[in-house]
Amino acid sequence: MLYYLLLFGIAILPVIILMVYIYHQDKYQKEPIKTLAKAFIGGMIAIALDILIVTGIQYLAGDSAITKTVFFSAFLEAGIPEEFSKFLIFMLFIWRDMNFDEYFDGIVYATFIGLGFACVENIEYVFMFGFGTGVVRALLSVPGHFLFGVVMGYFLSMAKFHPEKRGTYLISGLLLAMIAHGLFDWLLMVSSALGAGLGSILYFVFLWGDFKLWKLGLKYINKQQANSRRQAQEAALQDVEKQINSGLNYDSEYRKIDWNAGDKW
């Protein structure tokens, strides 16, 4: 019993850590817990969508030679259907939600959807393959889902607040998340299949790519934090103008914002 509790703990711990991290990075207007829960549960539901899509792809591919390739496994059975499922859940559950009202929100909700997906997937893999798999996935796979969510969420926010380029941003977010996910899995699978020698070299290429993905993800987080600060400051100025024009003095929610929060951990 203790062993199974340990497996469950290693499966969900990296998910919890990353959720706490991204929640803390939402500096100016925290998202409601119920909406975050909706996004997280939506990510779990995305697993079912993914299974349906993968089943359809496998049916259409039949016994063709491509089904035996690493490309098929990495992109057509993982990267493309998984990211499309998360994207669809975002559009159904979050896009029109009234709480999706600032730039950073896209990253928050997309990562919560990705971590909901990763949580179910991680529990399944850890209970199937054991503690060692849980440690490896805690360092690679779960953060991978988190970073794919950051990439997609960045562009979903840009689409939300720049309707003149909405189609371009939506397609960019979906495609970049799919490509990043597919390459992530492809490099891991090929390096593992090749073993020592060439496989080790390819694994270092994977680690370099993972580092670059983290760098990109943190860049997107910082950019949307800055955009959210600008957005909130503009709203505060508009609120002051309304008070002046109306002659009323009321407590604005924007007065309660810690404008130095973005400079803190």
C-alpha atoms as a PDB file:
ATOM      1  CA  MET A   1       0.000   0.000   0.000  1.00  0.00           C
ATOM      2  CA  LEU A   2       2.814   2.395   0.919  1.00  0.00           C
ATOM      3  CA  TYR A   3       4.517   1.670  -2.414  1.00  0.00           C
ATOM      4  CA  TYR A   4       1.379   2.625  -4.358  1.00  0.00           C
ATOM      5  CA  LEU A   5       1.044   5.830  -2.351  1.00  0.00           C
ATOM      6  CA  LEU A   6       4.665   6.592  -3.215  1.00  0.00           C
ATOM      7  CA  LEU A   7       3.958   5.997  -6.907  1.00  0.00           C
ATOM      8  CA  PHE A   8       0.905   8.239  -6.752  1.00  0.00           C
ATOM      9  CA  GLY A   9       2.954  10.940  -5.009  1.00  0.00           C
ATOM     10  CA  ILE A  10       5.760  10.931  -7.584  1.00  0.00           C
ATOM     11  CA  ALA A  11       3.128  11.029 -10.346  1.00  0.00           C
ATOM     12  CA  ILE A  12       1.275  14.114  -9.106  1.00  0.00           C
ATOM     13  CA  LEU A  13       4.041  16.061  -7.318  1.00  0.00           C
ATOM     14  CA  PRO A  14       5.597  17.649 -10.446  1.00  0.00           C
ATOM     15  CA  VAL A  15       2.105  18.603 -11.633  1.00  0.00           C
ATOM     16  CA  ILE A  16       1.357  20.359  -8.330  1.00  0.00           C
ATOM     17  CA  ILE A  17       4.728  22.149  -8.295  1.00  0.00           C
ATOM     18  CA  LEU A  18       4.243  23.543 -11.806  1.00  0.00           C
ATOM     19  CA  MET A  19       0.647  24.604 -11.100  1.00  0.00           C
ATOM     20  CA  VAL A  20       1.765  26.477  -7.979  1.00  0.00           C
ATOM     21  CA  TYR A  21       4.610  28.064  -9.948  1.00  0.00           C
ATOM     22  CA  ILE A  22       2.470  29.404 -12.795  1.00  0.00           C
ATOM     23  CA  TYR A  23      -0.269  30.513 -10.393  1.00  0.00           C
ATOM     24  CA  HIS A  24       2.328  32.513  -8.479  1.00  0.00           C
ATOM     25  CA  GLN A  25       3.564  34.097 -11.712  1.00  0.00           C
ATOM     26  CA  ASP A  26       0.089  35.549 -12.307  1.00  0.00           C
ATOM     27  CA  LYS A  27       1.120  38.768 -10.600  1.00  0.00           C
ATOM     28  CA  TYR A  28      -1.731  41.247 -10.956  1.00  0.00           C
ATOM     29  CA  GLN A  29      -5.157  39.570 -11.016  1.00  0.00           C
ATOM     30  CA  LYS A  30      -5.245  35.972  -9.805  1.00  0.00           C
ATOM     31  CA  GLU A  31      -7.581  33.625 -11.640  1.00  0.00           C
ATOM     32  CA  PRO A  32     -10.541  32.113  -9.733  1.00  0.00           C
ATOM     33  CA  ILE A  33      -9.882  28.633  -8.379  1.00  0.00           C
ATOM     34  CA  LYS A  34     -13.101  27.327  -9.937  1.00  0.00           C
ATOM     35  CA  THR A  35     -11.986  28.445 -13.407  1.00  0.00           C
ATOM     36  CA  LEU A  36      -8.529  26.960 -12.879  1.00  0.00           C
ATOM     37  CA  ALA A  37     -10.213  23.727 -11.788  1.00  0.00           C
ATOM     38  CA  LYS A  38     -12.333  23.818 -14.946  1.00  0.00           C
ATOM     39  CA  ALA A  39      -9.179  24.129 -17.052  1.00  0.00           C
ATOM     40  CA  PHE A  40      -7.428  21.319 -15.154  1.00  0.00           C
ATOM     41  CA  ILE A  41     -10.416  18.970 -15.431  1.00  0.00           C
ATOM     42  CA  GLY A  42     -10.697  19.957 -19.078  1.00  0.00           C
ATOM     43  CA  GLY A  43      -7.129  18.741 -19.541  1.00  0.00           C
ATOM     44  CA  MET A  44      -8.145  15.395 -18.083  1.00  0.00           C
ATOM     45  CA  ILE A  45     -11.091  15.233 -20.481  1.00  0.00           C
ATOM     46  CA  ALA A  46      -8.667  15.975 -23.330  1.00  0.00           C
ATOM     47  CA  ILE A  47      -7.248  12.477 -22.769  1.00  0.00           C
ATOM     48  CA  ALA A  48     -10.525  10.997 -24.060  1.00  0.00           C
ATOM     49  CA  LEU A  49     -10.473  13.305 -27.099  1.00  0.00           C
ATOM     50  CA  ASP A  50      -6.883  12.299 -27.772  1.00  0.00           C
ATOM     51  CA  ILE A  51      -7.758   8.598 -27.672  1.00  0.00           C
ATOM     52  CA  LEU A  52     -10.573   9.148 -30.181  1.00  0.00           C
ATOM     53  CA  ILE A  53      -8.328  11.112 -32.541  1.00  0.00           C
ATOM     54  CA  VAL A  54      -5.452   8.631 -32.319  1.00  0.00           C
ATOM     55  CA  THR A  55      -7.848   5.745 -32.930  1.00  0.00           C
ATOM     56  CA  GLY A  56      -9.089   7.523 -36.060  1.00  0.00           C
ATOM     57  CA  ILE A  57      -5.531   8.162 -37.283  1.00  0.00           C
ATOM     58  CA  GLN A  58      -4.549   4.551 -36.706  1.00  0.00           C
ATOM     59  CA  TYR A  59      -7.653   3.352 -38.550  1.00  0.00           C
ATOM     60  CA  LEU A  60      -6.935   5.581 -41.539  1.00  0.00           C
ATOM     61  CA  ALA A  61      -3.244   4.607 -41.595  1.00  0.00           C
ATOM     62  CA  GLY A  62      -4.060   0.893 -41.433  1.00  0.00           C
ATOM     63  CA  ASP A  63      -1.014  -1.369 -41.821  1.00  0.00           C
ATOM     64  CA  SER A  64       0.966   1.072 -43.955  1.00  0.00           C
ATOM     65  CA  ALA A  65       4.707   1.367 -43.489  1.00  0.00           C
ATOM     66  CA  ILE A  66       4.444   4.786 -41.835  1.00  0.00           C
ATOM     67  CA  THR A  67       2.812   3.273 -38.731  1.00  0.00           C
ATOM     68  CA  LYS A  68       6.111   1.508 -37.948  1.00  0.00           C
ATOM     69  CA  THR A  69       8.109   4.754 -37.907  1.00  0.00           C
ATOM     70  CA  VAL A  70       9.177   6.879 -34.957  1.00  0.00           C
ATOM     71  CA  PHE A  71       7.695   9.894 -36.771  1.00  0.00           C
ATOM     72  CA  PHE A  72       4.249   8.275 -36.658  1.00  0.00           C
ATOM     73  CA  SER A  73       4.550   7.554 -32.930  1.00  0.00           C
ATOM     74  CA  ALA A  74       5.989  10.961 -32.014  1.00  0.00           C
ATOM     75  CA  PHE A  75       3.847  13.205 -34.191  1.00  0.00           C
ATOM     76  CA  LEU A  76       0.700  11.368 -35.294  1.00  0.00           C
ATOM     77  CA  GLU A  77       0.121   9.404 -32.077  1.00  0.00           C
ATOM     78  CA  ALA A  78       1.393  12.021 -29.605  1.00  0.00           C
ATOM     79  CA  GLY A  79       2.301  15.587 -30.569  1.00  0.00           C
ATOM     80  CA  ILE A  80      -0.457  16.424 -33.048  1.00  0.00           C
ATOM     81  CA  PRO A  81      -3.507  14.746 -31.463  1.00  0.00           C
ATOM     82  CA  GLU A  82      -2.557  15.654 -27.888  1.00  0.00           C
ATOM     83  CA  GLU A  83      -1.996  19.336 -28.592  1.00  0.00           C
ATOM     84  CA  PHE A  84      -5.096  19.539 -30.787  1.00  0.00           C
ATOM     85  CA  SER A  85      -7.150  17.998 -27.955  1.00  0.00           C
ATOM     86  CA  LYS A  86      -5.820  20.576 -25.472  1.00  0.00           C
ATOM     87  CA  PHE A  87      -6.452  23.387 -27.969  1.00  0.00           C
ATOM     88  CA  LEU A  88     -10.042  22.231 -28.479  1.00  0.00           C
ATOM     89  CA  ILE A  89     -10.632  22.077 -24.714  1.00  0.00           C
ATOM     90  CA  PHE A  90      -9.260  25.617 -24.338  1.00  0.00           C
ATOM     91  CA  MET A  91     -11.578  26.930 -27.036  1.00  0.00           C
ATOM     92  CA  LEU A  92     -14.596  25.137 -25.542  1.00  0.00           C
ATOM     93  CA  PHE A  93     -13.955  25.748 -21.832  1.00  0.00           C
ATOM     94  CA  ILE A  94     -11.911  28.961 -21.578  1.00  0.00           C
ATOM     95  CA  TRP A  95     -12.012  31.131 -24.707  1.00  0.00           C
ATOM     96  CA  ARG A  96     -15.329  32.820 -23.894  1.00  0.00           C
ATOM     97  CA  ASP A  97     -14.946  32.691 -20.109  1.00  0.00           C
ATOM     98  CA  MET A  98     -15.262  36.147 -18.545  1.00  0.00           C
ATOM     99  CA  ASN A  99     -12.138  35.495 -16.449  1.00  0.00           C
ATOM    100  CA  PHE A 100      -9.960  35.270 -19.551  1.00  0.00           C
ATOM    101  CA  ASP A 101      -9.474  39.025 -19.472  1.00  0.00           C
ATOM    102  CA  GLU A 102      -5.734  39.701 -19.461  1.00  0.00           C
ATOM    103  CA  TYR A 103      -2.679  38.630 -21.444  1.00  0.00           C
ATOM    104  CA  PHE A 104      -1.140  36.324 -18.857  1.00  0.00           C
ATOM    105  CA  ASP A 105      -4.390  34.375 -18.473  1.00  0.00           C
ATOM    106  CA  GLY A 106      -3.821  32.487 -21.732  1.00  0.00           C
ATOM    107  CA  ILE A 107      -0.621  30.988 -20.357  1.00  0.00           C
ATOM    108  CA  VAL A 108      -2.193  30.187 -16.985  1.00  0.00           C
ATOM    109  CA  TYR A 109      -5.206  28.374 -18.419  1.00  0.00           C
ATOM    110  CA  ALA A 110      -3.297  26.599 -21.204  1.00  0.00           C
ATOM    111  CA  THR A 111      -0.728  25.265 -18.740  1.00  0.00           C
ATOM    112  CA  PHE A 112      -3.454  24.095 -16.349  1.00  0.00           C
ATOM    113  CA  ILE A 113      -5.079  22.218 -19.242  1.00  0.00           C
ATOM    114  CA  GLY A 114      -1.703  20.737 -20.178  1.00  0.00           C
ATOM    115  CA  LEU A 115      -1.007  19.728 -16.576  1.00  0.00           C
ATOM    116  CA  GLY A 116      -4.452  18.138 -16.242  1.00  0.00           C
ATOM    117  CA  PHE A 117      -3.600  16.043 -19.288  1.00  0.00           C
ATOM    118  CA  ALA A 118      -0.117  15.285 -17.927  1.00  0.00           C
ATOM    119  CA  CYS A 119      -1.520  14.271 -14.523  1.00  0.00           C
ATOM    120  CA  VAL A 120      -3.693  11.486 -15.947  1.00  0.00           C
ATOM    121  CA  GLU A 121      -0.986  10.369 -18.360  1.00  0.00           C
ATOM    122  CA  ASN A 122       1.661  10.424 -15.638  1.00  0.00           C
ATOM    123  CA  ILE A 123      -0.360   8.341 -13.183  1.00  0.00           C
ATOM    124  CA  GLU A 124      -0.939   5.758 -15.909  1.00  0.00           C
ATOM    125  CA  TYR A 125       2.737   5.517 -16.885  1.00  0.00           C
ATOM    126  CA  VAL A 126       4.086   5.525 -13.325  1.00  0.00           C
ATOM    127  CA  PHE A 127       1.755   2.750 -12.174  1.00  0.00           C
ATOM    128  CA  MET A 128       2.625   0.722 -15.279  1.00  0.00           C
ATOM    129  CA  PHE A 129       6.409   1.133 -15.208  1.00  0.00           C
ATOM    130  CA  GLY A 130       7.351   2.094 -11.669  1.00  0.00           C
ATOM    131  CA  PHE A 131       9.192   4.688  -9.612  1.00  0.00           C
ATOM    132  CA  GLY A 132      12.121   5.189 -12.008  1.00  0.00           C
ATOM    133  CA  THR A 133       9.745   6.149 -14.789  1.00  0.00           C
ATOM    134  CA  GLY A 134       8.082   8.601 -12.414  1.00  0.00           C
ATOM    135  CA  VAL A 135      11.397  10.344 -11.712  1.00  0.00           C
ATOM    136  CA  VAL A 136      12.270  10.623 -15.413  1.00  0.00           C
ATOM    137  CA  ARG A 137       8.812  11.914 -16.324  1.00  0.00           C
ATOM    138  CA  ALA A 138       8.910  14.399 -13.433  1.00  0.00           C
ATOM    139  CA  LEU A 139      12.052  15.916 -14.951  1.00  0.00           C
ATOM    140  CA  LEU A 140      11.100  15.704 -18.640  1.00  0.00           C
ATOM    141  CA  SER A 141       7.561  14.776 -19.693  1.00  0.00           C
ATOM    142  CA  VAL A 142       5.492  16.765 -17.189  1.00  0.00           C
ATOM    143  CA  PRO A 143       7.570  19.948 -17.665  1.00  0.00           C
ATOM    144  CA  GLY A 144       7.246  19.277 -21.398  1.00  0.00           C
ATOM    145  CA  HIS A 145       3.441  19.452 -21.206  1.00  0.00           C
ATOM    146  CA  PHE A 146       3.799  22.593 -19.110  1.00  0.00           C
ATOM    147  CA  LEU A 147       6.033  24.278 -21.701  1.00  0.00           C
ATOM    148  CA  PHE A 148       3.840  23.257 -24.642  1.00  0.00           C
ATOM    149  CA  GLY A 149       1.028  24.959 -22.718  1.00  0.00           C
ATOM    150  CA  VAL A 150       3.110  28.109 -22.259  1.00  0.00           C
ATOM    151  CA  VAL A 151       3.792  28.278 -26.008  1.00  0.00           C
ATOM    152  CA  MET A 152       0.158  27.683 -26.955  1.00  0.00           C
ATOM    153  CA  GLY A 153      -1.172  29.979 -24.232  1.00  0.00           C
ATOM    154  CA  TYR A 154       1.049  32.861 -25.306  1.00  0.00           C
ATOM    155  CA  PHE A 155      -0.439  32.841 -28.802  1.00  0.00           C
ATOM    156  CA  LEU A 156      -3.992  32.236 -27.582  1.00  0.00           C
ATOM    157  CA  SER A 157      -3.742  35.418 -25.507  1.00  0.00           C
ATOM    158  CA  MET A 158      -2.366  37.319 -28.469  1.00  0.00           C
ATOM    159  CA  ALA A 159      -5.311  36.048 -30.520  1.00  0.00           C
ATOM    160  CA  LYS A 160      -7.763  37.105 -27.812  1.00  0.00           C
ATOM    161  CA  PHE A 161      -6.535  40.676 -27.548  1.00  0.00           C
ATOM    162  CA  HIS A 162      -5.496  41.238 -31.165  1.00  0.00           C
ATOM    163  CA  PRO A 163      -8.589  40.229 -33.161  1.00  0.00           C
ATOM    164  CA  GLU A 164      -7.148  41.716 -36.344  1.00  0.00           C
ATOM    165  CA  LYS A 165      -4.560  38.892 -36.354  1.00  0.00           C
ATOM    166  CA  ARG A 166      -6.666  36.284 -34.557  1.00  0.00           C
ATOM    167  CA  GLY A 167      -6.464  33.558 -37.198  1.00  0.00           C
ATOM    168  CA  THR A 168      -2.690  33.864 -37.538  1.00  0.00           C
ATOM    169  CA  TYR A 169      -2.123  33.710 -33.780  1.00  0.00           C
ATOM    170  CA  LEU A 170      -4.487  30.763 -33.265  1.00  0.00           C
ATOM    171  CA  ILE A 171      -2.845  28.715 -36.013  1.00  0.00           C
ATOM    172  CA  SER A 172       0.650  29.689 -34.829  1.00  0.00           C
ATOM    173  CA  GLY A 173      -0.062  28.618 -31.243  1.00  0.00           C
ATOM    174  CA  LEU A 174      -1.504  25.268 -32.287  1.00  0.00           C
ATOM    175  CA  LEU A 175       1.191  24.451 -34.856  1.00  0.00           C
ATOM    176  CA  LEU A 176       4.136  25.489 -32.672  1.00  0.00           C
ATOM    177  CA  ALA A 177       2.845  23.412 -29.741  1.00  0.00           C
ATOM    178  CA  MET A 178       2.379  20.412 -32.055  1.00  0.00           C
ATOM    179  CA  ILE A 179       5.860  20.778 -33.557  1.00  0.00           C
ATOM    180  CA  ALA A 180       7.540  21.286 -30.177  1.00  0.00           C
ATOM    181  CA  HIS A 181       5.740  18.258 -28.723  1.00  0.00           C
ATOM    182  CA  GLY A 182       6.444  16.065 -31.749  1.00  0.00           C
ATOM    183  CA  LEU A 183      10.142  16.940 -31.836  1.00  0.00           C
ATOM    184  CA  PHE A 184      10.404  16.447 -28.069  1.00  0.00           C
ATOM    185  CA  ASP A 185       9.046  12.904 -28.329  1.00  0.00           C
ATOM    186  CA  TRP A 186      10.867  12.100 -31.587  1.00  0.00           C
ATOM    187  CA  LEU A 187      14.295  12.997 -30.203  1.00  0.00           C
ATOM    188  CA  LEU A 188      13.681  10.986 -27.032  1.00  0.00           C
ATOM    189  CA  MET A 189      12.434   7.944 -28.944  1.00  0.00           C
ATOM    190  CA  VAL A 190      15.219   7.939 -31.537  1.00  0.00           C
ATOM    191  CA  SER A 191      18.012   8.507 -28.998  1.00  0.00           C
ATOM    192  CA  SER A 192      16.626   5.643 -26.918  1.00  0.00           C
ATOM    193  CA  ALA A 193      16.362   3.318 -29.932  1.00  0.00           C
ATOM    194  CA  LEU A 194      19.916   4.038 -31.121  1.00  0.00           C
ATOM    195  CA  GLY A 195      21.453   3.311 -27.728  1.00  0.00           C
ATOM    196  CA  ALA A 196      25.071   4.258 -26.931  1.00  0.00           C
ATOM    197  CA  GLY A 197      27.125   6.237 -29.408  1.00  0.00           C
ATOM    198  CA  LEU A 198      24.868   8.015 -31.865  1.00  0.00           C
ATOM    199  CA  GLY A 199      21.952   7.707 -29.445  1.00  0.00           C
ATOM    200  CA  SER A 200      23.932   9.535 -26.764  1.00  0.00           C
ATOM    201  CA  ILE A 201      24.756  12.352 -29.171  1.00  0.00           C
ATOM    202  CA  LEU A 202      21.109  12.666 -30.126  1.00  0.00           C
ATOM    203  CA  TYR A 203      20.149  12.698 -26.451  1.00  0.00           C
ATOM    204  CA  PHE A 204      22.413  15.705 -25.918  1.00  0.00           C
ATOM    205  CA  VAL A 205      20.649  17.349 -28.864  1.00  0.00           C
ATOM    206  CA  PHE A 206      17.380  16.650 -27.041  1.00  0.00           C
ATOM    207  CA  LEU A 207      18.701  18.225 -23.829  1.00  0.00           C
ATOM    208  CA  TRP A 208      19.846  21.291 -25.782  1.00  0.00           C
ATOM    209  CA  GLY A 209      16.380  21.535 -27.355  1.00  0.00           C
ATOM    210  CA  ASP A 210      14.742  21.151 -23.946  1.00  0.00           C
ATOM    211  CA  PHE A 211      16.919  23.979 -22.602  1.00  0.00           C
ATOM    212  CA  LYS A 212      15.919  26.185 -25.549  1.00  0.00           C
ATOM    213  CA  LEU A 213      12.254  25.342 -24.954  1.00  0.00           C
ATOM    214  CA  TRP A 214      12.572  26.412 -21.305  1.00  0.00           C
ATOM    215  CA  LYS A 215      14.269  29.615 -22.416  1.00  0.00           C
ATOM    216  CA  LEU A 216      11.460  30.331 -24.882  1.00  0.00           C
ATOM    217  CA  GLY A 217       8.804  29.488 -22.290  1.00  0.00           C
ATOM    218  CA  LEU A 218      10.279  31.848 -19.700  1.00  0.00           C
ATOM    219  CA  LYS A 219      10.563  34.564 -22.356  1.00  0.00           C
ATOM    220  CA  TYR A 220       6.856  34.183 -23.175  1.00  0.00           C
ATOM    221  CA  ILE A 221       5.963  34.246 -19.466  1.00  0.00           C
ATOM    222  CA  ASN A 222       7.911  37.485 -18.972  1.00  0.00           C
ATOM    223  CA  LYS A 223       6.400  39.087 -22.080  1.00  0.00           C
ATOM    224  CA  GLN A 224       2.827  38.341 -21.049  1.00  0.00           C
ATOM    225  CA  GLN A 225       3.499  39.500 -17.499  1.00  0.00           C
ATOM    226  CA  ALA A 226       4.646  42.825 -18.962  1.00  0.00           C
ATOM    227  CA  ASN A 227       1.609  42.960 -21.262  1.00  0.00           C
ATOM    228  CA  SER A 228      -0.719  42.272 -18.338  1.00  0.00           C
ATOM    229  CA  ARG A 229       0.902  45.047 -16.301  1.00  0.00           C
ATOM    230  CA  ARG A 230       0.486  47.505 -19.181  1.00  0.00           C
ATOM    231  CA  GLN A 231      -3.106  46.346 -19.680  1.00  0.00           C
ATOM    232  CA  ALA A 232      -3.945  46.813 -15.991  1.00  0.00           C
ATOM    233  CA  GLN A 233      -2.293  50.236 -15.851  1.00  0.00           C
ATOM    234  CA  GLU A 234      -4.279  51.381 -18.888  1.00  0.00           C
ATOM    235  CA  ALA A 235      -7.475  50.143 -17.224  1.00  0.00           C
ATOM    236  CA  ALA A 236      -6.531  52.003 -14.027  1.00  0.00           C
ATOM    237  CA  LEU A 237      -6.070  55.247 -15.958  1.00  0.00           C
ATOM    238  CA  GLN A 238      -9.426  54.782 -17.657  1.00  0.00           C
ATOM    239  CA  ASP A 239     -10.991  54.140 -14.259  1.00  0.00           C
ATOM    240  CA  VAL A 240      -9.546  57.390 -12.879  1.00  0.00           C
ATOM    241  CA  GLU A 241     -10.899  59.299 -15.883  1.00  0.00           C
ATOM    242  CA  LYS A 242     -14.347  57.834 -15.280  1.00  0.00           C
ATOM    243  CA  GLN A 243     -14.242  58.937 -11.649  1.00  0.00           C
ATOM    244  CA  ILE A 244     -13.183  62.450 -12.614  1.00  0.00           C
ATOM    245  CA  ASN A 245     -15.847  62.738 -15.307  1.00  0.00           C
ATOM    246  CA  SER A 246     -18.596  61.338 -13.091  1.00  0.00           C
ATOM    247  CA  GLY A 247     -17.581  63.264  -9.976  1.00  0.00           C
ATOM    248  CA  LEU A 248     -17.811  60.063  -7.955  1.00  0.00           C
ATOM    249  CA  ASN A 249     -15.146  58.642  -5.705  1.00  0.00           C
ATOM    250  CA  TYR A 250     -15.204  54.855  -5.369  1.00  0.00           C
ATOM    251  CA  ASP A 251     -12.669  52.190  -4.521  1.00  0.00           C
ATOM    252  CA  SER A 252     -11.274  50.861  -7.789  1.00  0.00           C
ATOM    253  CA  GLU A 253     -10.019  47.288  -7.958  1.00  0.00           C
ATOM    254  CA  TYR A 254      -6.959  48.601  -9.782  1.00  0.00           C
ATOM    255  CA  ARG A 255      -5.903  50.633  -6.753  1.00  0.00           C
ATOM    256  CA  LYS A 256      -5.411  47.366  -4.910  1.00  0.00           C
ATOM    257  CA  ILE A 257      -2.894  46.041  -7.434  1.00  0.00           C
ATOM    258  CA  ASP A 258       0.704  45.774  -6.273  1.00  0.00           C
ATOM    259  CA  TRP A 259       2.426  47.400  -9.254  1.00  0.00           C
ATOM    260  CA  ASN A 260       5.807  46.124  -8.074  1.00  0.00           C
ATOM    261  CA  ALA A 261       4.612  42.518  -7.959  1.00  0.00           C
ATOM    262  CA  GLY A 262       6.130  41.755 -11.344  1.00  0.00           C
ATOM    263  CA  ASP A 263       9.579  42.505  -9.946  1.00  0.00           C
ATOM    264  CA  LYS A 264       9.212  40.006  -7.115  1.00  0.00           C
ATOM    265  CA  TRP A 265       9.600  36.229  -7.191  1.00  0.00           C
END
